[in-house]
C-alpha atoms as a PDB file:
ATOM      1  CA  MET A   1     -63.305  15.232 -83.267  1.00  0.00           C
ATOM      2  CA  TRP A   2     -66.676  14.449 -80.853  1.00  0.00           C
ATOM      3  CA  GLY A   3     -65.198  11.360 -79.463  1.00  0.00           C
ATOM      4  CA  GLU A   4     -62.117  13.243 -77.844  1.00  0.00           C
ATOM      5  CA  GLU A   5     -63.860  15.782 -76.440  1.00  0.00           C
ATOM      6  CA  GLN A   6     -65.747  13.183 -74.830  1.00  0.00           C
ATOM      7  CA  ALA A   7     -62.660  11.197 -73.750  1.00  0.00           C
ATOM      8  CA  GLU A   8     -61.434  14.395 -72.646  1.00  0.00           C
ATOM      9  CA  SER A   9     -64.433  15.251 -70.233  1.00  0.00           C
ATOM     10  CA  SER A  10     -65.032  12.142 -68.715  1.00  0.00           C
ATOM     11  CA  GLY A  11     -61.128  12.248 -67.403  1.00  0.00           C
ATOM     12  CA  PRO A  12     -58.948   8.942 -66.721  1.00  0.00           C
ATOM     13  CA  PRO A  13     -60.924   6.027 -65.218  1.00  0.00           C
ATOM     14  CA  ASP A  14     -61.199   6.048 -61.480  1.00  0.00           C
ATOM     15  CA  TRP A  15     -59.643   2.730 -60.677  1.00  0.00           C
ATOM     16  CA  PHE A  16     -59.511   3.100 -56.736  1.00  0.00           C
ATOM     17  CA  ALA A  17     -63.270   3.773 -56.935  1.00  0.00           C
ATOM     18  CA  ALA A  18     -63.393   0.801 -58.717  1.00  0.00           C
ATOM     19  CA  VAL A  19     -61.543  -1.075 -55.593  1.00  0.00           C
ATOM     20  CA  ALA A  20     -63.336   0.597 -53.008  1.00  0.00           C
ATOM     21  CA  GLU A  21     -66.622  -0.727 -55.143  1.00  0.00           C
ATOM     22  CA  GLU A  22     -65.385  -4.207 -54.797  1.00  0.00           C
ATOM     23  CA  ASP A  23     -64.857  -3.826 -51.320  1.00  0.00           C
ATOM     24  CA  ASP A  24     -68.122  -3.030 -50.667  1.00  0.00           C
ATOM     25  CA  ASP A  25     -69.276  -6.726 -50.954  1.00  0.00           C
ATOM     26  CA  PRO A  26     -70.723  -7.637 -47.881  1.00  0.00           C
ATOM     27  CA  ALA A  27     -68.646 -11.153 -47.873  1.00  0.00           C
ATOM     28  CA  GLY A  28     -66.194  -8.919 -46.813  1.00  0.00           C
ATOM     29  CA  PRO A  29     -62.587 -10.078 -47.907  1.00  0.00           C
ATOM     30  CA  PRO A  30     -61.173 -13.863 -48.422  1.00  0.00           C
ATOM     31  CA  ASP A  31     -60.209 -15.438 -44.722  1.00  0.00           C
ATOM     32  CA  TRP A  32     -56.398 -16.117 -46.434  1.00  0.00           C
ATOM     33  CA  PHE A  33     -55.584 -17.914 -43.380  1.00  0.00           C
ATOM     34  CA  ALA A  34     -59.067 -19.939 -42.708  1.00  0.00           C
ATOM     35  CA  ALA A  35     -58.342 -21.718 -45.893  1.00  0.00           C
ATOM     36  CA  VAL A  36     -54.862 -22.407 -45.473  1.00  0.00           C
ATOM     37  CA  ALA A  37     -55.911 -23.923 -42.022  1.00  0.00           C
ATOM     38  CA  GLU A  38     -58.595 -25.710 -43.868  1.00  0.00           C
ATOM     39  CA  GLU A  39     -57.381 -27.148 -46.660  1.00  0.00           C
ATOM     40  CA  PRO A  40     -53.651 -27.761 -46.265  1.00  0.00           C
ATOM     41  CA  PRO A  41     -51.619 -28.182 -49.626  1.00  0.00           C
ATOM     42  CA  ALA A  42     -50.897 -31.326 -51.054  1.00  0.00           C
ATOM     43  CA  ALA A  43     -47.320 -32.462 -50.520  1.00  0.00           C
ATOM     44  CA  GLU A  44     -45.558 -33.864 -53.188  1.00  0.00           C
ATOM     45  CA  GLU A  45     -44.716 -37.240 -52.916  1.00  0.00           C
ATOM     46  CA  PRO A  46     -40.981 -38.192 -52.779  1.00  0.00           C
ATOM     47  CA  PRO A  47     -39.395 -40.265 -55.163  1.00  0.00           C
ATOM     48  CA  ALA A  48     -39.565 -44.283 -54.029  1.00  0.00           C
ATOM     49  CA  GLY A  49     -37.208 -45.192 -51.239  1.00  0.00           C
ATOM     50  CA  GLU A  50     -36.555 -41.818 -50.233  1.00  0.00           C
ATOM     51  CA  PRO A  51     -38.310 -40.702 -46.846  1.00  0.00           C
ATOM     52  CA  ALA A  52     -40.743 -37.654 -46.756  1.00  0.00           C
ATOM     53  CA  PRO A  53     -38.682 -34.573 -45.453  1.00  0.00           C
ATOM     54  CA  ALA A  54     -39.583 -33.102 -42.299  1.00  0.00           C
ATOM     55  CA  GLY A  55     -42.475 -30.819 -42.050  1.00  0.00           C
ATOM     56  CA  GLU A  56     -44.185 -32.113 -45.451  1.00  0.00           C
ATOM     57  CA  LEU A  57     -45.807 -35.597 -44.263  1.00  0.00           C
ATOM     58  CA  PRO A  58     -49.510 -35.860 -45.384  1.00  0.00           C
ATOM     59  CA  GLY A  59     -52.348 -34.240 -43.230  1.00  0.00           C
ATOM     60  CA  LEU A  60     -49.559 -31.821 -40.900  1.00  0.00           C
ATOM     61  CA  MET A  61     -48.240 -28.423 -42.009  1.00  0.00           C
ATOM     62  CA  ARG A  62     -44.995 -26.800 -40.836  1.00  0.00           C
ATOM     63  CA  ALA A  63     -45.094 -24.539 -37.303  1.00  0.00           C
ATOM     64  CA  SER A  64     -44.151 -21.488 -39.243  1.00  0.00           C
ATOM     65  CA  ASP A  65     -47.019 -21.960 -42.105  1.00  0.00           C
ATOM     66  CA  LEU A  66     -49.853 -21.849 -39.166  1.00  0.00           C
ATOM     67  CA  ALA A  67     -50.949 -18.577 -37.771  1.00  0.00           C
ATOM     68  CA  GLY A  68     -48.747 -17.683 -34.661  1.00  0.00           C
ATOM     69  CA  GLY A  69     -45.704 -19.036 -36.037  1.00  0.00           C
ATOM     70  CA  ARG A  70     -43.906 -21.321 -33.746  1.00  0.00           C
ATOM     71  CA  ARG A  71     -45.755 -20.459 -30.352  1.00  0.00           C
ATOM     72  CA  ARG A  72     -48.525 -22.494 -31.274  1.00  0.00           C
ATOM     73  CA  ARG A  73     -48.171 -26.460 -32.634  1.00  0.00           C
ATOM     74  CA  ARG A  74     -51.445 -27.558 -34.471  1.00  0.00           C
ATOM     75  CA  SER A  75     -51.941 -31.023 -36.182  1.00  0.00           C
ATOM     76  CA  ALA A  76     -54.587 -30.719 -39.192  1.00  0.00           C
ATOM     77  CA  LEU A  77     -57.013 -31.985 -36.704  1.00  0.00           C
ATOM     78  CA  GLY A  78     -56.381 -28.781 -33.910  1.00  0.00           C
ATOM     79  CA  GLU A  79     -54.477 -28.669 -30.786  1.00  0.00           C
ATOM     80  CA  LEU A  80     -51.950 -30.929 -29.662  1.00  0.00           C
ATOM     81  CA  PRO A  81     -52.953 -32.119 -25.881  1.00  0.00           C
ATOM     82  CA  PRO A  82     -50.325 -31.788 -23.145  1.00  0.00           C
ATOM     83  CA  ALA A  83     -48.363 -34.652 -22.551  1.00  0.00           C
ATOM     84  CA  ALA A  84     -49.710 -36.077 -19.179  1.00  0.00           C
ATOM     85  CA  PRO A  85     -46.971 -36.587 -16.182  1.00  0.00           C
ATOM     86  CA  GLU A  86     -45.533 -39.689 -15.599  1.00  0.00           C
ATOM     87  CA  PRO A  87     -45.888 -40.947 -12.571  1.00  0.00           C
ATOM     88  CA  ALA A  88     -43.173 -40.945  -9.852  1.00  0.00           C
ATOM     89  CA  GLN A  89     -41.415 -44.200  -9.177  1.00  0.00           C
ATOM     90  CA  GLN A  90     -41.031 -44.715  -5.448  1.00  0.00           C
ATOM     91  CA  ARG A  91     -38.086 -46.921  -4.275  1.00  0.00           C
ATOM     92  CA  PRO A  92     -38.882 -49.884  -2.165  1.00  0.00           C
ATOM     93  CA  ARG A  93     -37.916 -49.155   1.747  1.00  0.00           C
ATOM     94  CA  PRO A  94     -35.565 -51.956   2.787  1.00  0.00           C
ATOM     95  CA  LYS A  95     -36.671 -54.420   5.169  1.00  0.00           C
ATOM     96  CA  ARG A  96     -35.453 -54.213   8.654  1.00  0.00           C
ATOM     97  CA  ARG A  97     -33.151 -57.021   9.123  1.00  0.00           C
ATOM     98  CA  ALA A  98     -34.028 -59.522  12.432  1.00  0.00           C
ATOM     99  CA  ARG A  99     -31.682 -59.513  14.788  1.00  0.00           C
ATOM    100  CA  ALA A 100     -30.442 -63.492  15.523  1.00  0.00           C
ATOM    101  CA  GLU A 101     -30.611 -65.102  18.558  1.00  0.00           C
ATOM    102  CA  ARG A 102     -28.278 -67.346  20.613  1.00  0.00           C
ATOM    103  CA  PRO A 103     -29.588 -70.671  21.751  1.00  0.00           C
ATOM    104  CA  ASP A 104     -30.348 -69.309  25.241  1.00  0.00           C
ATOM    105  CA  GLY A 105     -32.948 -66.961  23.800  1.00  0.00           C
ATOM    106  CA  GLU A 106     -30.977 -63.427  24.198  1.00  0.00           C
ATOM    107  CA  PRO A 107     -30.017 -61.556  21.084  1.00  0.00           C
ATOM    108  CA  GLU A 108     -26.552 -61.851  19.143  1.00  0.00           C
ATOM    109  CA  SER A 109     -23.935 -59.213  20.524  1.00  0.00           C
ATOM    110  CA  ALA A 110     -23.621 -56.514  17.870  1.00  0.00           C
ATOM    111  CA  PRO A 111     -20.603 -53.942  17.706  1.00  0.00           C
ATOM    112  CA  GLY A 112     -23.420 -51.411  19.447  1.00  0.00           C
ATOM    113  CA  ALA A 113     -24.019 -53.658  21.840  1.00  0.00           C
ATOM    114  CA  ARG A 114     -24.144 -52.482  25.613  1.00  0.00           C
ATOM    115  CA  PRO A 115     -20.931 -52.489  27.425  1.00  0.00           C
ATOM    116  CA  GLU A 116     -21.973 -54.711  29.923  1.00  0.00           C
ATOM    117  CA  ARG A 117     -22.703 -57.319  27.514  1.00  0.00           C
ATOM    118  CA  ARG A 118     -19.462 -57.201  25.915  1.00  0.00           C
ATOM    119  CA  ARG A 119     -18.090 -57.399  29.318  1.00  0.00           C
ATOM    120  CA  ARG A 120     -20.304 -60.134  30.485  1.00  0.00           C
ATOM    121  CA  THR A 121     -19.093 -62.183  27.065  1.00  0.00           C
ATOM    122  CA  ALA A 122     -15.314 -61.315  27.632  1.00  0.00           C
ATOM    123  CA  GLU A 123     -15.525 -62.835  31.175  1.00  0.00           C
ATOM    124  CA  GLN A 124     -16.283 -66.233  29.967  1.00  0.00           C
ATOM    125  CA  GLY A 125     -13.589 -66.190  27.308  1.00  0.00           C
ATOM    126  CA  ASP A 126      -9.943 -66.688  27.964  1.00  0.00           C
ATOM    127  CA  PRO A 127      -8.099 -65.937  31.360  1.00  0.00           C
ATOM    128  CA  ALA A 128      -5.351 -64.768  29.500  1.00  0.00           C
ATOM    129  CA  GLU A 129      -7.761 -62.590  27.205  1.00  0.00           C
ATOM    130  CA  ARG A 130      -9.536 -60.948  29.706  1.00  0.00           C
ATOM    131  CA  ALA A 131      -6.430 -60.519  31.771  1.00  0.00           C
ATOM    132  CA  ARG A 132      -4.880 -57.891  28.707  1.00  0.00           C
ATOM    133  CA  ASP A 133      -8.163 -56.479  28.027  1.00  0.00           C
ATOM    134  CA  ILE A 134      -8.389 -55.121  32.053  1.00  0.00           C
ATOM    135  CA  CYS A 135      -4.622 -54.268  32.068  1.00  0.00           C
ATOM    136  CA  LEU A 136      -5.187 -51.776  28.816  1.00  0.00           C
ATOM    137  CA  ARG A 137      -8.343 -50.223  29.744  1.00  0.00           C
ATOM    138  CA  LEU A 138      -6.861 -49.229  33.098  1.00  0.00           C
ATOM    139  CA  LEU A 139      -3.600 -48.235  31.327  1.00  0.00           C
ATOM    140  CA  THR A 140      -5.666 -46.017  29.118  1.00  0.00           C
ATOM    141  CA  GLY A 141      -6.372 -43.431  31.380  1.00  0.00           C
ATOM    142  CA  ALA A 142      -3.356 -43.207  33.539  1.00  0.00           C
ATOM    143  CA  ALA A 143       0.317 -44.638  33.827  1.00  0.00           C
ATOM    144  CA  LYS A 144      -0.058 -47.729  36.579  1.00  0.00           C
ATOM    145  CA  SER A 145       2.312 -49.844  38.366  1.00  0.00           C
ATOM    146  CA  ARG A 146       3.106 -53.037  37.871  1.00  0.00           C
ATOM    147  CA  LYS A 147       1.732 -54.140  41.901  1.00  0.00           C
ATOM    148  CA  GLN A 148      -1.687 -51.785  40.746  1.00  0.00           C
ATOM    149  CA  LEU A 149      -2.348 -53.894  37.860  1.00  0.00           C
ATOM    150  CA  ALA A 150      -1.348 -57.116  39.938  1.00  0.00           C
ATOM    151  CA  ASP A 151      -4.044 -56.248  42.523  1.00  0.00           C
ATOM    152  CA  ALA A 152      -6.859 -55.216  39.907  1.00  0.00           C
ATOM    153  CA  LEU A 153      -6.144 -58.632  38.333  1.00  0.00           C
ATOM    154  CA  ARG A 154      -6.547 -60.283  41.456  1.00  0.00           C
ATOM    155  CA  ARG A 155      -9.898 -58.556  42.408  1.00  0.00           C
ATOM    156  CA  LYS A 156     -11.168 -59.668  38.845  1.00  0.00           C
ATOM    157  CA  GLU A 157     -10.223 -63.519  39.529  1.00  0.00           C
ATOM    158  CA  ILE A 158      -7.819 -64.098  37.380  1.00  0.00           C
ATOM    159  CA  PRO A 159      -5.187 -66.839  38.187  1.00  0.00           C
ATOM    160  CA  ASP A 160      -2.074 -65.542  39.458  1.00  0.00           C
ATOM    161  CA  GLU A 161      -0.205 -67.426  36.521  1.00  0.00           C
ATOM    162  CA  VAL A 162      -2.002 -66.101  34.133  1.00  0.00           C
ATOM    163  CA  ALA A 163      -1.533 -62.546  35.597  1.00  0.00           C
ATOM    164  CA  GLU A 164       2.168 -62.903  35.756  1.00  0.00           C
ATOM    165  CA  GLN A 165       2.333 -63.874  32.458  1.00  0.00           C
ATOM    166  CA  VAL A 166       0.570 -61.284  31.217  1.00  0.00           C
ATOM    167  CA  LEU A 167       2.059 -58.506  33.302  1.00  0.00           C
ATOM    168  CA  SER A 168       5.515 -59.970  32.393  1.00  0.00           C
ATOM    169  CA  ARG A 169       4.465 -59.119  28.715  1.00  0.00           C
ATOM    170  CA  LEU A 170       3.262 -55.612  28.709  1.00  0.00           C
ATOM    171  CA  GLU A 171       6.700 -54.744  30.853  1.00  0.00           C
ATOM    172  CA  GLU A 172       8.800 -56.675  28.018  1.00  0.00           C
ATOM    173  CA  VAL A 173       6.814 -53.668  25.603  1.00  0.00           C
ATOM    174  CA  GLY A 174       7.105 -50.868  27.577  1.00  0.00           C
ATOM    175  CA  LEU A 175       3.413 -50.602  28.613  1.00  0.00           C
ATOM    176  CA  ILE A 176       4.484 -50.990  32.480  1.00  0.00           C
ATOM    177  CA  ASP A 177       7.212 -48.982  33.412  1.00  0.00           C
ATOM    178  CA  ASP A 178       7.469 -48.537  37.115  1.00  0.00           C
ATOM    179  CA  ALA A 179      10.154 -46.160  37.217  1.00  0.00           C
ATOM    180  CA  ALA A 180       8.810 -44.388  34.936  1.00  0.00           C
ATOM    181  CA  PHE A 181       5.632 -44.177  36.816  1.00  0.00           C
ATOM    182  CA  ALA A 182       7.585 -42.903  39.960  1.00  0.00           C
ATOM    183  CA  GLU A 183       8.860 -39.947  38.085  1.00  0.00           C
ATOM    184  CA  ALA A 184       5.812 -39.030  37.429  1.00  0.00           C
ATOM    185  CA  TRP A 185       3.741 -39.926  40.584  1.00  0.00           C
ATOM    186  CA  VAL A 186       6.400 -37.693  42.295  1.00  0.00           C
ATOM    187  CA  GLU A 187       6.218 -34.397  40.516  1.00  0.00           C
ATOM    188  CA  SER A 188       2.632 -34.744  40.210  1.00  0.00           C
ATOM    189  CA  ARG A 189       2.156 -35.076  43.798  1.00  0.00           C
ATOM    190  CA  HIS A 190       4.340 -32.573  44.958  1.00  0.00           C
ATOM    191  CA  ALA A 191       3.094 -30.130  42.741  1.00  0.00           C
ATOM    192  CA  VAL A 192      -0.866 -30.235  43.322  1.00  0.00           C
ATOM    193  CA  ARG A 193      -0.766 -31.292  46.639  1.00  0.00           C
ATOM    194  CA  GLY A 194       2.406 -30.188  48.417  1.00  0.00           C
ATOM    195  CA  LEU A 195       3.736 -33.832  49.614  1.00  0.00           C
ATOM    196  CA  SER A 196       6.651 -34.063  51.221  1.00  0.00           C
ATOM    197  CA  ARG A 197       9.559 -36.280  50.296  1.00  0.00           C
ATOM    198  CA  ARG A 198       8.673 -38.468  53.350  1.00  0.00           C
ATOM    199  CA  ALA A 199       4.638 -38.846  52.153  1.00  0.00           C
ATOM    200  CA  LEU A 200       6.005 -39.166  48.493  1.00  0.00           C
ATOM    201  CA  ALA A 201       8.002 -42.040  49.529  1.00  0.00           C
ATOM    202  CA  GLN A 202       4.946 -43.685  51.682  1.00  0.00           C
ATOM    203  CA  GLU A 203       3.184 -43.312  48.028  1.00  0.00           C
ATOM    204  CA  LEU A 204       5.380 -45.111  46.234  1.00  0.00           C
ATOM    205  CA  ARG A 205       5.601 -47.782  48.284  1.00  0.00           C
ATOM    206  CA  THR A 206       1.808 -48.313  48.398  1.00  0.00           C
ATOM    207  CA  LYS A 207       1.870 -48.580  44.381  1.00  0.00           C
ATOM    208  CA  GLY A 208       4.654 -51.273  44.894  1.00  0.00           C
ATOM    209  CA  VAL A 209       7.781 -49.054  43.966  1.00  0.00           C
ATOM    210  CA  THR A 210      10.485 -49.451  46.242  1.00  0.00           C
ATOM    211  CA  GLY A 211      14.234 -49.412  45.843  1.00  0.00           C
ATOM    212  CA  GLU A 212      16.299 -48.077  42.977  1.00  0.00           C
ATOM    213  CA  ALA A 213      13.216 -46.978  41.139  1.00  0.00           C
ATOM    214  CA  ALA A 214      11.922 -44.869  44.513  1.00  0.00           C
ATOM    215  CA  GLU A 215      14.946 -43.201  45.251  1.00  0.00           C
ATOM    216  CA  ARG A 216      15.907 -41.649  41.740  1.00  0.00           C
ATOM    217  CA  ALA A 217      12.320 -40.511  41.546  1.00  0.00           C
ATOM    218  CA  LEU A 218      12.740 -38.817  45.131  1.00  0.00           C
ATOM    219  CA  LEU A 219      15.721 -36.823  44.106  1.00  0.00           C
ATOM    220  CA  GLN A 220      13.524 -34.262  41.999  1.00  0.00           C
ATOM    221  CA  VAL A 221      12.460 -32.741  45.803  1.00  0.00           C
ATOM    222  CA  ASP A 222      15.039 -31.710  47.805  1.00  0.00           C
ATOM    223  CA  ALA A 223      14.916 -29.595  50.935  1.00  0.00           C
ATOM    224  CA  GLU A 224      14.338 -25.959  49.187  1.00  0.00           C
ATOM    225  CA  ASP A 225      11.641 -27.769  47.148  1.00  0.00           C
ATOM    226  CA  GLU A 226       9.903 -28.692  50.681  1.00  0.00           C
ATOM    227  CA  SER A 227      10.250 -25.350  52.506  1.00  0.00           C
ATOM    228  CA  GLU A 228       8.561 -23.277  49.597  1.00  0.00           C
ATOM    229  CA  ALA A 229       5.862 -25.935  49.115  1.00  0.00           C
ATOM    230  CA  ALA A 230       4.984 -26.265  53.058  1.00  0.00           C
ATOM    231  CA  ARG A 231       5.133 -21.794  52.978  1.00  0.00           C
ATOM    232  CA  ALA A 232       2.551 -22.195  49.933  1.00  0.00           C
ATOM    233  CA  LEU A 233       0.345 -24.418  51.906  1.00  0.00           C
ATOM    234  CA  VAL A 234       0.526 -22.012  55.228  1.00  0.00           C
ATOM    235  CA  ALA A 235      -0.332 -19.274  52.936  1.00  0.00           C
ATOM    236  CA  ARG A 236      -3.337 -20.665  51.675  1.00  0.00           C
ATOM    237  CA  LYS A 237      -4.953 -21.648  54.843  1.00  0.00           C
ATOM    238  CA  LEU A 238      -3.636 -18.872  57.047  1.00  0.00           C
ATOM    239  CA  ARG A 239      -6.531 -16.641  55.997  1.00  0.00           C
ATOM    240  CA  SER A 240      -9.382 -19.456  57.026  1.00  0.00           C
ATOM    241  CA  THR A 241      -7.667 -18.768  60.867  1.00  0.00           C
ATOM    242  CA  ALA A 242      -7.863 -15.396  60.785  1.00  0.00           C
ATOM    243  CA  GLY A 243      -9.406 -13.910  64.112  1.00  0.00           C
ATOM    244  CA  LEU A 244      -8.317 -17.369  66.401  1.00  0.00           C
ATOM    245  CA  ASP A 245      -5.867 -17.070  69.154  1.00  0.00           C
ATOM    246  CA  ARG A 246      -2.392 -17.289  68.107  1.00  0.00           C
ATOM    247  CA  ASP A 247      -1.970 -20.966  69.574  1.00  0.00           C
ATOM    248  CA  VAL A 248      -5.114 -22.455  68.055  1.00  0.00           C
ATOM    249  CA  ARG A 249      -3.819 -20.812  64.407  1.00  0.00           C
ATOM    250  CA  THR A 250      -0.262 -22.109  64.897  1.00  0.00           C
ATOM    251  CA  ARG A 251      -2.159 -25.770  66.139  1.00  0.00           C
ATOM    252  CA  ARG A 252      -3.896 -26.219  63.399  1.00  0.00           C
ATOM    253  CA  LEU A 253      -1.751 -24.670  60.251  1.00  0.00           C
ATOM    254  CA  VAL A 254       1.377 -27.208  61.971  1.00  0.00           C
ATOM    255  CA  GLY A 255      -1.288 -29.882  61.940  1.00  0.00           C
ATOM    256  CA  VAL A 256      -1.994 -28.917  57.711  1.00  0.00           C
ATOM    257  CA  LEU A 257       1.960 -29.817  57.087  1.00  0.00           C
ATOM    258  CA  ALA A 258       2.338 -32.855  59.314  1.00  0.00           C
ATOM    259  CA  ARG A 259      -0.545 -34.676  57.244  1.00  0.00           C
ATOM    260  CA  ARG A 260       1.516 -33.838  54.264  1.00  0.00           C
ATOM    261  CA  GLY A 261       4.502 -35.374  56.077  1.00  0.00           C
ATOM    262  CA  TYR A 262       6.774 -32.301  57.162  1.00  0.00           C
ATOM    263  CA  ALA A 263       8.749 -32.816  59.689  1.00  0.00           C
ATOM    264  CA  GLU A 264       7.773 -31.101  63.334  1.00  0.00           C
ATOM    265  CA  GLY A 265      10.659 -28.771  63.263  1.00  0.00           C
ATOM    266  CA  LEU A 266      10.095 -27.452  59.708  1.00  0.00           C
ATOM    267  CA  ALA A 267       6.834 -27.147  59.771  1.00  0.00           C
ATOM    268  CA  TYR A 268       6.564 -24.953  63.161  1.00  0.00           C
ATOM    269  CA  ARG A 269       9.181 -22.769  61.692  1.00  0.00           C
ATOM    270  CA  VAL A 270       7.217 -22.043  58.136  1.00  0.00           C
ATOM    271  CA  VAL A 271       4.065 -21.308  60.370  1.00  0.00           C
ATOM    272  CA  ARG A 272       6.003 -18.965  62.833  1.00  0.00           C
ATOM    273  CA  GLU A 273       7.507 -17.245  59.916  1.00  0.00           C
ATOM    274  CA  ALA A 274       4.152 -16.687  58.663  1.00  0.00           C
ATOM    275  CA  LEU A 275       2.374 -15.223  61.615  1.00  0.00           C
ATOM    276  CA  ASP A 276       4.952 -13.077  62.389  1.00  0.00           C
ATOM    277  CA  ALA A 277       4.742 -11.470  58.794  1.00  0.00           C
ATOM    278  CA  GLU A 278       1.259 -10.544  59.486  1.00  0.00           C
ATOM    279  CA  PRO A 279       0.142  -6.463  60.008  1.00  0.00           C
ATOM    280  CA  ASP A 280      -0.653  -7.360  64.080  1.00  0.00           C
ATOM    281  CA  GLY A 281       2.037 -10.006  64.517  1.00  0.00           C
ATOM    282  CA  ARG A 282      -0.862 -12.428  65.357  1.00  0.00           C
END
């Protein structure tokens, strides 16, 4: 009876107080992580003939078992040092090739050699090859008559027989066509320079184009075309003679038309019409 009263008066045991008393240990709670880091658990040896699984090699720990997870990888001996960067490999520069020299001491001609050197080399070669090069170079800029090309070859001292062979061959393949050249020449010179039929015929003769080829080309300009071209010339020059005496102006304007091959009667008629059309009639 007394024992039961003593048990009721003392009440149930205070387990939390017991835990609190144990926490007052000055040594503090055990450092479980330090223990794990200092003494890694021994890995089980795999059966004979089987490789050890990854993460269970002796002396190593899994990254997930260390404090901080996979963010810090450490071995049993500490942190792994960062890998040193590999030195960049430099490609060796190619050496410049020395230019070959000819027996005379000058460098050998290359594709990018100066035009003067290439020209001198060509002049020392086959005359027929030189003649073809000269003609093709002249024909590249504009159409030329056969006489124009023959004169150019003569100035370059190409033998006459070689020049005739080259020119005949170029004529066969259509690179030389005096009839087509005459038509293009007449059309351009009449439209740009305002030349008359007589002046155009004279220019064709100097280019070596005569006969039927010249006559067919001159058919492009008739009498009405000549009158219109003469009026346009006088209209352009009329302002430059303003203020001068009428006779002086007449002589100057007629001279402009005469130098372009216009007949005297046509020239005076066109000039007189232009001066009469001015407001003061001068």
